[in-house]
């Protein structure tokens, strides 16, 4: 157990901050899915990560072809719970709220040429052995660096706000902040943090798979290079493993799309000279 509720010298708030864990997840216990539904969700996650155009009918057919017993009604419910919106060609983990204001997409034909010019965010499903969690990350577009991230067992706005607060506190403010039109990112709590810093807000067009392409690529890397390989049993294991992975992703891994540079070197302006 990583968190110690009886630890007098450090509050639960500080323990959660150190471990990048959303506090609200400590006190919320969602109704559990059956073991069979968790198995289906994990298969759906892997197949949708490979083929993000898969809708309910296609996914139902795929599951049945692998020998799983399920109908479209069950598949639709599970995909919605995972945040996979079958009517769109991208995994839209944060569902829109029609009462929240949305903003236009500002990045068409924009050349991103420096750190802190554009940040973006998204949420993805993280499978666990007996359940699941949600992962949010804040990324710098120019360097592809992951500036902050949080795990949660709920899709409330607080873990997204915590990740944003950390990025703003550590790295200053971007000129443009891009997200999808999900309820978390259009919420008053999230938007107010951006407007208070006079950050221009950009949002993906509905149904546009490539408006936030860099963070979509990040999710594929996270899942194929870490989550699927490690097979985390608990959120605490995932927290430890993802901490190690994001450190490697930022500081160790050479990215082909960055001409074999490390994201953090580009973010800090320390470009490696090719031999």
C-alpha atoms as a PDB file:
ATOM      1  CA  UNK A   1       0.000   0.000   0.000  1.00  0.00           C
ATOM      2  CA  UNK A   2       1.582   3.303  -1.089  1.00  0.00           C
ATOM      3  CA  UNK A   3      -0.710   5.582   0.925  1.00  0.00           C
ATOM      4  CA  UNK A   4      -0.663   5.560   4.723  1.00  0.00           C
ATOM      5  CA  UNK A   5      -3.808   7.081   6.234  1.00  0.00           C
ATOM      6  CA  UNK A   6      -2.273   6.920   9.721  1.00  0.00           C
ATOM      7  CA  UNK A   7       0.894   8.804   8.796  1.00  0.00           C
ATOM      8  CA  UNK A   8       0.889  11.824  11.113  1.00  0.00           C
ATOM      9  CA  UNK A   9       3.849  13.686   9.629  1.00  0.00           C
ATOM     10  CA  UNK A  10       2.329  13.879   6.127  1.00  0.00           C
ATOM     11  CA  UNK A  11      -1.290  14.554   5.203  1.00  0.00           C
ATOM     12  CA  UNK A  12      -3.235  12.480   2.699  1.00  0.00           C
ATOM     13  CA  UNK A  13      -3.275  15.536   0.403  1.00  0.00           C
ATOM     14  CA  UNK A  14       0.523  15.725   0.373  1.00  0.00           C
ATOM     15  CA  UNK A  15       0.881  11.965  -0.069  1.00  0.00           C
ATOM     16  CA  UNK A  16      -1.468  12.086  -3.086  1.00  0.00           C
ATOM     17  CA  UNK A  17       0.406  15.053  -4.553  1.00  0.00           C
ATOM     18  CA  UNK A  18       3.739  13.260  -4.240  1.00  0.00           C
ATOM     19  CA  UNK A  19       2.339  10.145  -5.922  1.00  0.00           C
ATOM     20  CA  UNK A  20       0.326  12.077  -8.555  1.00  0.00           C
ATOM     21  CA  UNK A  21      -2.843  10.299  -7.431  1.00  0.00           C
ATOM     22  CA  UNK A  22      -6.244  11.968  -7.585  1.00  0.00           C
ATOM     23  CA  UNK A  23      -7.577  12.284  -4.015  1.00  0.00           C
ATOM     24  CA  UNK A  24     -11.229  11.870  -4.983  1.00  0.00           C
ATOM     25  CA  UNK A  25     -10.466   8.350  -6.173  1.00  0.00           C
ATOM     26  CA  UNK A  26      -9.584   7.340  -2.612  1.00  0.00           C
ATOM     27  CA  UNK A  27     -13.125   7.809  -1.390  1.00  0.00           C
ATOM     28  CA  UNK A  28     -15.171   6.779  -4.418  1.00  0.00           C
ATOM     29  CA  UNK A  29     -15.953   3.128  -5.092  1.00  0.00           C
ATOM     30  CA  UNK A  30     -17.697   2.575  -8.400  1.00  0.00           C
ATOM     31  CA  UNK A  31     -20.027  -0.358  -8.897  1.00  0.00           C
ATOM     32  CA  UNK A  32     -17.708  -3.107 -10.127  1.00  0.00           C
ATOM     33  CA  UNK A  33     -18.017  -4.675 -13.533  1.00  0.00           C
ATOM     34  CA  UNK A  34     -18.106  -8.446 -13.770  1.00  0.00           C
ATOM     35  CA  UNK A  35     -14.881 -10.267 -14.511  1.00  0.00           C
ATOM     36  CA  UNK A  36     -16.255 -11.154 -17.945  1.00  0.00           C
ATOM     37  CA  UNK A  37     -17.069  -7.524 -18.746  1.00  0.00           C
ATOM     38  CA  UNK A  38     -13.580  -6.466 -17.645  1.00  0.00           C
ATOM     39  CA  UNK A  39     -12.169  -9.093 -20.004  1.00  0.00           C
ATOM     40  CA  UNK A  40     -14.299  -7.715 -22.846  1.00  0.00           C
ATOM     41  CA  UNK A  41     -13.235  -4.145 -22.044  1.00  0.00           C
ATOM     42  CA  UNK A  42      -9.572  -5.098 -22.164  1.00  0.00           C
ATOM     43  CA  UNK A  43     -10.005  -6.766 -25.550  1.00  0.00           C
ATOM     44  CA  UNK A  44     -11.949  -3.755 -26.813  1.00  0.00           C
ATOM     45  CA  UNK A  45      -9.217  -1.424 -25.562  1.00  0.00           C
ATOM     46  CA  UNK A  46      -6.474  -3.274 -27.411  1.00  0.00           C
ATOM     47  CA  UNK A  47      -8.455  -3.626 -30.645  1.00  0.00           C
ATOM     48  CA  UNK A  48      -9.617   0.013 -30.570  1.00  0.00           C
ATOM     49  CA  UNK A  49      -6.057   1.183 -29.976  1.00  0.00           C
ATOM     50  CA  UNK A  50      -5.058  -0.678 -33.150  1.00  0.00           C
ATOM     51  CA  UNK A  51      -8.122   0.363 -35.150  1.00  0.00           C
ATOM     52  CA  UNK A  52      -9.701   3.569 -33.757  1.00  0.00           C
ATOM     53  CA  UNK A  53     -12.357   3.553 -36.488  1.00  0.00           C
ATOM     54  CA  UNK A  54     -14.083   0.521 -34.931  1.00  0.00           C
ATOM     55  CA  UNK A  55     -17.729   1.144 -34.081  1.00  0.00           C
ATOM     56  CA  UNK A  56     -20.186  -0.918 -32.060  1.00  0.00           C
ATOM     57  CA  UNK A  57     -21.192  -3.249 -34.871  1.00  0.00           C
ATOM     58  CA  UNK A  58     -17.621  -3.844 -35.987  1.00  0.00           C
ATOM     59  CA  UNK A  59     -16.429  -4.402 -32.438  1.00  0.00           C
ATOM     60  CA  UNK A  60     -19.302  -6.787 -31.694  1.00  0.00           C
ATOM     61  CA  UNK A  61     -18.461  -8.789 -34.798  1.00  0.00           C
ATOM     62  CA  UNK A  62     -14.781  -8.839 -33.821  1.00  0.00           C
ATOM     63  CA  UNK A  63     -15.530 -10.066 -30.295  1.00  0.00           C
ATOM     64  CA  UNK A  64     -17.863 -12.772 -31.550  1.00  0.00           C
ATOM     65  CA  UNK A  65     -15.238 -13.863 -34.065  1.00  0.00           C
ATOM     66  CA  UNK A  66     -12.803 -14.377 -31.176  1.00  0.00           C
ATOM     67  CA  UNK A  67     -15.370 -16.588 -29.442  1.00  0.00           C
ATOM     68  CA  UNK A  68     -16.808 -14.072 -26.982  1.00  0.00           C
ATOM     69  CA  UNK A  69     -20.530 -14.072 -26.261  1.00  0.00           C
ATOM     70  CA  UNK A  70     -21.890 -10.530 -26.385  1.00  0.00           C
ATOM     71  CA  UNK A  71     -24.416  -8.367 -28.165  1.00  0.00           C
ATOM     72  CA  UNK A  72     -24.266  -4.806 -29.480  1.00  0.00           C
ATOM     73  CA  UNK A  73     -26.143  -3.458 -26.450  1.00  0.00           C
ATOM     74  CA  UNK A  74     -23.441  -4.703 -24.079  1.00  0.00           C
ATOM     75  CA  UNK A  75     -20.615  -3.593 -26.357  1.00  0.00           C
ATOM     76  CA  UNK A  76     -22.132  -0.116 -26.713  1.00  0.00           C
ATOM     77  CA  UNK A  77     -22.420   0.284 -22.924  1.00  0.00           C
ATOM     78  CA  UNK A  78     -18.864  -0.885 -22.306  1.00  0.00           C
ATOM     79  CA  UNK A  79     -17.413   1.334 -25.019  1.00  0.00           C
ATOM     80  CA  UNK A  80     -19.242   4.315 -23.584  1.00  0.00           C
ATOM     81  CA  UNK A  81     -17.965   3.499 -20.116  1.00  0.00           C
ATOM     82  CA  UNK A  82     -14.457   3.378 -21.539  1.00  0.00           C
ATOM     83  CA  UNK A  83     -15.029   6.679 -23.323  1.00  0.00           C
ATOM     84  CA  UNK A  84     -14.801   5.180 -26.804  1.00  0.00           C
ATOM     85  CA  UNK A  85     -17.363   6.967 -28.923  1.00  0.00           C
ATOM     86  CA  UNK A  86     -18.287   4.658 -31.814  1.00  0.00           C
ATOM     87  CA  UNK A  87     -19.863   7.327 -34.002  1.00  0.00           C
ATOM     88  CA  UNK A  88     -16.534   9.170 -34.231  1.00  0.00           C
ATOM     89  CA  UNK A  89     -13.247   7.978 -35.764  1.00  0.00           C
ATOM     90  CA  UNK A  90     -11.216   8.709 -32.592  1.00  0.00           C
ATOM     91  CA  UNK A  91     -11.318   7.519 -28.976  1.00  0.00           C
ATOM     92  CA  UNK A  92     -13.167  10.378 -27.245  1.00  0.00           C
ATOM     93  CA  UNK A  93     -12.715   9.488 -23.603  1.00  0.00           C
ATOM     94  CA  UNK A  94     -14.253  12.681 -22.260  1.00  0.00           C
ATOM     95  CA  UNK A  95     -17.866  12.942 -23.336  1.00  0.00           C
ATOM     96  CA  UNK A  96     -19.267  16.392 -24.213  1.00  0.00           C
ATOM     97  CA  UNK A  97     -21.631  18.361 -22.026  1.00  0.00           C
ATOM     98  CA  UNK A  98     -24.113  20.350 -24.113  1.00  0.00           C
ATOM     99  CA  UNK A  99     -24.398  23.008 -21.391  1.00  0.00           C
ATOM    100  CA  UNK A 100     -20.677  23.838 -21.468  1.00  0.00           C
ATOM    101  CA  UNK A 101     -19.165  26.407 -23.825  1.00  0.00           C
ATOM    102  CA  UNK A 102     -16.855  25.141 -26.569  1.00  0.00           C
ATOM    103  CA  UNK A 103     -14.108  26.889 -28.516  1.00  0.00           C
ATOM    104  CA  UNK A 104     -12.924  26.741 -32.147  1.00  0.00           C
ATOM    105  CA  UNK A 105      -9.898  24.753 -33.284  1.00  0.00           C
ATOM    106  CA  UNK A 106      -6.993  27.203 -33.579  1.00  0.00           C
ATOM    107  CA  UNK A 107      -4.199  25.011 -34.920  1.00  0.00           C
ATOM    108  CA  UNK A 108      -5.086  24.677 -38.604  1.00  0.00           C
ATOM    109  CA  UNK A 109      -1.992  25.662 -40.635  1.00  0.00           C
ATOM    110  CA  UNK A 110      -0.179  26.758 -37.465  1.00  0.00           C
ATOM    111  CA  UNK A 111       3.552  25.972 -37.440  1.00  0.00           C
ATOM    112  CA  UNK A 112       4.538  24.842 -33.948  1.00  0.00           C
ATOM    113  CA  UNK A 113       8.189  25.796 -33.606  1.00  0.00           C
ATOM    114  CA  UNK A 114       8.965  26.373 -29.914  1.00  0.00           C
ATOM    115  CA  UNK A 115       8.227  24.923 -26.468  1.00  0.00           C
ATOM    116  CA  UNK A 116       5.195  26.306 -24.624  1.00  0.00           C
ATOM    117  CA  UNK A 117       3.650  27.481 -27.873  1.00  0.00           C
ATOM    118  CA  UNK A 118       0.985  24.750 -27.770  1.00  0.00           C
ATOM    119  CA  UNK A 119       0.022  22.332 -25.020  1.00  0.00           C
ATOM    120  CA  UNK A 120      -2.624  19.650 -25.369  1.00  0.00           C
ATOM    121  CA  UNK A 121      -4.430  17.138 -23.186  1.00  0.00           C
ATOM    122  CA  UNK A 122      -6.557  14.015 -23.423  1.00  0.00           C
ATOM    123  CA  UNK A 123      -7.826  11.116 -21.320  1.00  0.00           C
ATOM    124  CA  UNK A 124      -7.419   7.420 -22.039  1.00  0.00           C
ATOM    125  CA  UNK A 125      -8.539   4.098 -20.523  1.00  0.00           C
ATOM    126  CA  UNK A 126      -5.915   2.074 -18.641  1.00  0.00           C
ATOM    127  CA  UNK A 127      -6.720  -1.574 -18.087  1.00  0.00           C
ATOM    128  CA  UNK A 128      -5.928  -3.323 -14.822  1.00  0.00           C
ATOM    129  CA  UNK A 129      -6.156  -7.006 -13.939  1.00  0.00           C
ATOM    130  CA  UNK A 130      -9.418  -6.675 -12.035  1.00  0.00           C
ATOM    131  CA  UNK A 131     -10.639  -3.260 -13.132  1.00  0.00           C
ATOM    132  CA  UNK A 132      -9.550  -0.124 -14.918  1.00  0.00           C
ATOM    133  CA  UNK A 133      -8.418   3.477 -14.449  1.00  0.00           C
ATOM    134  CA  UNK A 134      -8.289   6.681 -16.458  1.00  0.00           C
ATOM    135  CA  UNK A 135      -5.100   8.517 -17.392  1.00  0.00           C
ATOM    136  CA  UNK A 136      -4.878  12.216 -18.290  1.00  0.00           C
ATOM    137  CA  UNK A 137      -1.705  13.875 -19.572  1.00  0.00           C
ATOM    138  CA  UNK A 138      -0.575  17.394 -20.482  1.00  0.00           C
ATOM    139  CA  UNK A 139       1.804  17.433 -23.465  1.00  0.00           C
ATOM    140  CA  UNK A 140       3.975  20.105 -25.060  1.00  0.00           C
ATOM    141  CA  UNK A 141       3.405  19.809 -28.807  1.00  0.00           C
ATOM    142  CA  UNK A 142       6.779  21.060 -30.024  1.00  0.00           C
ATOM    143  CA  UNK A 143       8.907  18.703 -27.952  1.00  0.00           C
ATOM    144  CA  UNK A 144       6.281  15.949 -27.334  1.00  0.00           C
ATOM    145  CA  UNK A 145       7.269  16.151 -23.659  1.00  0.00           C
ATOM    146  CA  UNK A 146       4.751  14.940 -21.083  1.00  0.00           C
ATOM    147  CA  UNK A 147       4.620  17.837 -18.619  1.00  0.00           C
ATOM    148  CA  UNK A 148       2.260  16.257 -16.093  1.00  0.00           C
ATOM    149  CA  UNK A 149      -0.205  13.397 -15.719  1.00  0.00           C
ATOM    150  CA  UNK A 150      -2.680  11.864 -13.288  1.00  0.00           C
ATOM    151  CA  UNK A 151      -4.419   8.526 -12.760  1.00  0.00           C
ATOM    152  CA  UNK A 152      -7.973   8.282 -11.434  1.00  0.00           C
ATOM    153  CA  UNK A 153     -10.666   5.635 -11.034  1.00  0.00           C
ATOM    154  CA  UNK A 154     -13.322   8.201 -11.949  1.00  0.00           C
ATOM    155  CA  UNK A 155     -13.689  10.592 -14.869  1.00  0.00           C
ATOM    156  CA  UNK A 156     -14.454  13.652 -12.771  1.00  0.00           C
ATOM    157  CA  UNK A 157     -12.824  16.977 -13.582  1.00  0.00           C
ATOM    158  CA  UNK A 158     -10.615  17.147 -10.477  1.00  0.00           C
ATOM    159  CA  UNK A 159      -7.812  14.881 -11.713  1.00  0.00           C
ATOM    160  CA  UNK A 160      -7.653  16.858 -14.970  1.00  0.00           C
ATOM    161  CA  UNK A 161      -7.431  20.122 -13.018  1.00  0.00           C
ATOM    162  CA  UNK A 162      -4.696  18.673 -10.812  1.00  0.00           C
ATOM    163  CA  UNK A 163      -2.610  17.755 -13.867  1.00  0.00           C
ATOM    164  CA  UNK A 164      -3.128  21.223 -15.363  1.00  0.00           C
ATOM    165  CA  UNK A 165      -2.247  22.951 -12.082  1.00  0.00           C
ATOM    166  CA  UNK A 166       1.012  21.004 -11.870  1.00  0.00           C
ATOM    167  CA  UNK A 167       2.022  21.828 -15.445  1.00  0.00           C
ATOM    168  CA  UNK A 168       1.249  25.538 -15.021  1.00  0.00           C
ATOM    169  CA  UNK A 169       3.107  25.714 -11.706  1.00  0.00           C
ATOM    170  CA  UNK A 170       6.221  23.969 -13.014  1.00  0.00           C
ATOM    171  CA  UNK A 171       6.498  25.156 -16.620  1.00  0.00           C
ATOM    172  CA  UNK A 172       4.666  28.464 -16.990  1.00  0.00           C
ATOM    173  CA  UNK A 173       1.917  29.047 -19.524  1.00  0.00           C
ATOM    174  CA  UNK A 174       1.453  28.007 -23.150  1.00  0.00           C
ATOM    175  CA  UNK A 175       0.208  30.399 -25.800  1.00  0.00           C
ATOM    176  CA  UNK A 176      -2.489  27.916 -26.912  1.00  0.00           C
ATOM    177  CA  UNK A 177      -4.045  25.018 -25.013  1.00  0.00           C
ATOM    178  CA  UNK A 178      -5.805  22.335 -27.085  1.00  0.00           C
ATOM    179  CA  UNK A 179      -8.225  19.634 -25.934  1.00  0.00           C
ATOM    180  CA  UNK A 180     -11.292  17.800 -27.131  1.00  0.00           C
ATOM    181  CA  UNK A 181     -14.814  18.999 -26.325  1.00  0.00           C
ATOM    182  CA  UNK A 182     -15.269  16.610 -23.413  1.00  0.00           C
ATOM    183  CA  UNK A 183     -17.089  17.597 -20.247  1.00  0.00           C
ATOM    184  CA  UNK A 184     -13.868  17.673 -18.209  1.00  0.00           C
ATOM    185  CA  UNK A 185     -12.128  20.162 -20.502  1.00  0.00           C
ATOM    186  CA  UNK A 186     -15.157  22.398 -21.108  1.00  0.00           C
ATOM    187  CA  UNK A 187     -16.025  22.557 -17.405  1.00  0.00           C
ATOM    188  CA  UNK A 188     -15.933  25.911 -15.643  1.00  0.00           C
ATOM    189  CA  UNK A 189     -13.233  24.703 -13.259  1.00  0.00           C
ATOM    190  CA  UNK A 190     -10.891  23.730 -16.094  1.00  0.00           C
ATOM    191  CA  UNK A 191     -11.642  26.663 -18.417  1.00  0.00           C
ATOM    192  CA  UNK A 192     -11.230  29.221 -15.638  1.00  0.00           C
ATOM    193  CA  UNK A 193      -7.680  28.045 -15.019  1.00  0.00           C
ATOM    194  CA  UNK A 194      -6.819  28.788 -18.650  1.00  0.00           C
ATOM    195  CA  UNK A 195      -8.607  32.106 -18.976  1.00  0.00           C
ATOM    196  CA  UNK A 196      -7.082  33.341 -15.708  1.00  0.00           C
ATOM    197  CA  UNK A 197      -3.669  32.958 -17.379  1.00  0.00           C
ATOM    198  CA  UNK A 198      -4.891  34.532 -20.656  1.00  0.00           C
ATOM    199  CA  UNK A 199      -4.198  31.304 -22.552  1.00  0.00           C
ATOM    200  CA  UNK A 200      -5.915  30.925 -25.933  1.00  0.00           C
ATOM    201  CA  UNK A 201      -8.239  27.912 -25.875  1.00  0.00           C
ATOM    202  CA  UNK A 202      -8.477  25.536 -28.822  1.00  0.00           C
ATOM    203  CA  UNK A 203     -10.739  22.494 -29.092  1.00  0.00           C
ATOM    204  CA  UNK A 204     -10.827  19.627 -31.566  1.00  0.00           C
ATOM    205  CA  UNK A 205     -13.692  19.601 -34.032  1.00  0.00           C
ATOM    206  CA  UNK A 206     -16.185  16.840 -33.258  1.00  0.00           C
ATOM    207  CA  UNK A 207     -15.386  13.734 -35.260  1.00  0.00           C
ATOM    208  CA  UNK A 208     -11.899  14.912 -36.240  1.00  0.00           C
ATOM    209  CA  UNK A 209      -9.471  12.107 -35.485  1.00  0.00           C
ATOM    210  CA  UNK A 210      -6.227  14.009 -36.078  1.00  0.00           C
ATOM    211  CA  UNK A 211      -6.751  17.397 -34.400  1.00  0.00           C
ATOM    212  CA  UNK A 212      -4.835  16.130 -31.348  1.00  0.00           C
ATOM    213  CA  UNK A 213      -2.676  13.611 -33.184  1.00  0.00           C
ATOM    214  CA  UNK A 214       0.454  13.846 -31.027  1.00  0.00           C
ATOM    215  CA  UNK A 215      -1.275  12.824 -27.823  1.00  0.00           C
ATOM    216  CA  UNK A 216      -3.133  10.059 -29.685  1.00  0.00           C
ATOM    217  CA  UNK A 217       0.283   8.701 -30.661  1.00  0.00           C
ATOM    218  CA  UNK A 218       1.396   9.018 -27.043  1.00  0.00           C
ATOM    219  CA  UNK A 219      -1.480   6.768 -25.927  1.00  0.00           C
ATOM    220  CA  UNK A 220      -0.469   4.068 -28.402  1.00  0.00           C
ATOM    221  CA  UNK A 221       3.121   4.224 -27.131  1.00  0.00           C
ATOM    222  CA  UNK A 222       2.018   4.097 -23.481  1.00  0.00           C
ATOM    223  CA  UNK A 223      -0.177   1.061 -24.059  1.00  0.00           C
ATOM    224  CA  UNK A 224       2.024  -1.012 -26.368  1.00  0.00           C
ATOM    225  CA  UNK A 225       5.346  -0.179 -24.705  1.00  0.00           C
ATOM    226  CA  UNK A 226       4.154  -0.318 -21.114  1.00  0.00           C
ATOM    227  CA  UNK A 227       0.565  -1.118 -20.084  1.00  0.00           C
ATOM    228  CA  UNK A 228      -0.006  -4.212 -22.232  1.00  0.00           C
ATOM    229  CA  UNK A 229       3.448  -5.572 -21.418  1.00  0.00           C
ATOM    230  CA  UNK A 230       3.344  -4.953 -17.663  1.00  0.00           C
ATOM    231  CA  UNK A 231      -0.204  -6.153 -17.013  1.00  0.00           C
ATOM    232  CA  UNK A 232      -0.768  -3.971 -13.953  1.00  0.00           C
ATOM    233  CA  UNK A 233      -3.001  -5.435 -11.254  1.00  0.00           C
ATOM    234  CA  UNK A 234      -3.750  -2.270  -9.249  1.00  0.00           C
ATOM    235  CA  UNK A 235      -3.729   1.504  -9.642  1.00  0.00           C
ATOM    236  CA  UNK A 236      -0.734   1.675  -7.330  1.00  0.00           C
ATOM    237  CA  UNK A 237       1.236  -0.672  -9.576  1.00  0.00           C
ATOM    238  CA  UNK A 238       0.162   1.366 -12.602  1.00  0.00           C
ATOM    239  CA  UNK A 239       1.200   4.561 -10.822  1.00  0.00           C
ATOM    240  CA  UNK A 240       4.698   3.225 -10.156  1.00  0.00           C
ATOM    241  CA  UNK A 241       5.091   1.729 -13.626  1.00  0.00           C
ATOM    242  CA  UNK A 242       3.850   4.802 -15.480  1.00  0.00           C
ATOM    243  CA  UNK A 243       6.098   7.047 -13.397  1.00  0.00           C
ATOM    244  CA  UNK A 244       9.055   5.014 -14.614  1.00  0.00           C
ATOM    245  CA  UNK A 245       7.750   4.948 -18.201  1.00  0.00           C
ATOM    246  CA  UNK A 246       7.132   8.685 -18.526  1.00  0.00           C
ATOM    247  CA  UNK A 247      10.593   9.399 -17.129  1.00  0.00           C
ATOM    248  CA  UNK A 248      12.026   7.148 -19.847  1.00  0.00           C
ATOM    249  CA  UNK A 249       9.716   8.628 -22.493  1.00  0.00           C
ATOM    250  CA  UNK A 250      10.846  12.189 -21.700  1.00  0.00           C
ATOM    251  CA  UNK A 251      14.502  11.698 -20.791  1.00  0.00           C
ATOM    252  CA  UNK A 252      15.680   8.388 -22.242  1.00  0.00           C
ATOM    253  CA  UNK A 253      13.872   7.430 -25.419  1.00  0.00           C
ATOM    254  CA  UNK A 254      15.111   8.754 -28.768  1.00  0.00           C
ATOM    255  CA  UNK A 255      12.070   9.658 -30.905  1.00  0.00           C
ATOM    256  CA  UNK A 256      12.252   9.088 -34.650  1.00  0.00           C
ATOM    257  CA  UNK A 257       9.661  11.811 -35.239  1.00  0.00           C
ATOM    258  CA  UNK A 258      12.035  14.223 -33.458  1.00  0.00           C
ATOM    259  CA  UNK A 259      15.034  13.169 -35.577  1.00  0.00           C
ATOM    260  CA  UNK A 260      16.238  10.871 -32.793  1.00  0.00           C
ATOM    261  CA  UNK A 261      16.181  13.555 -30.128  1.00  0.00           C
ATOM    262  CA  UNK A 262      14.817  13.199 -26.603  1.00  0.00           C
ATOM    263  CA  UNK A 263      11.654  15.203 -25.854  1.00  0.00           C
ATOM    264  CA  UNK A 264      13.070  16.839 -22.750  1.00  0.00           C
ATOM    265  CA  UNK A 265      16.239  17.915 -24.540  1.00  0.00           C
ATOM    266  CA  UNK A 266      14.107  19.681 -27.130  1.00  0.00           C
ATOM    267  CA  UNK A 267      11.890  21.220 -24.453  1.00  0.00           C
ATOM    268  CA  UNK A 268      14.932  22.636 -22.656  1.00  0.00           C
ATOM    269  CA  UNK A 269      16.713  23.581 -25.884  1.00  0.00           C
ATOM    270  CA  UNK A 270      19.526  21.058 -25.499  1.00  0.00           C
ATOM    271  CA  UNK A 271      19.595  19.619 -29.003  1.00  0.00           C
ATOM    272  CA  UNK A 272      21.872  16.649 -29.549  1.00  0.00           C
ATOM    273  CA  UNK A 273      24.231  17.044 -32.505  1.00  0.00           C
ATOM    274  CA  UNK A 274      23.978  14.053 -34.851  1.00  0.00           C
ATOM    275  CA  UNK A 275      27.222  12.205 -35.474  1.00  0.00           C
END
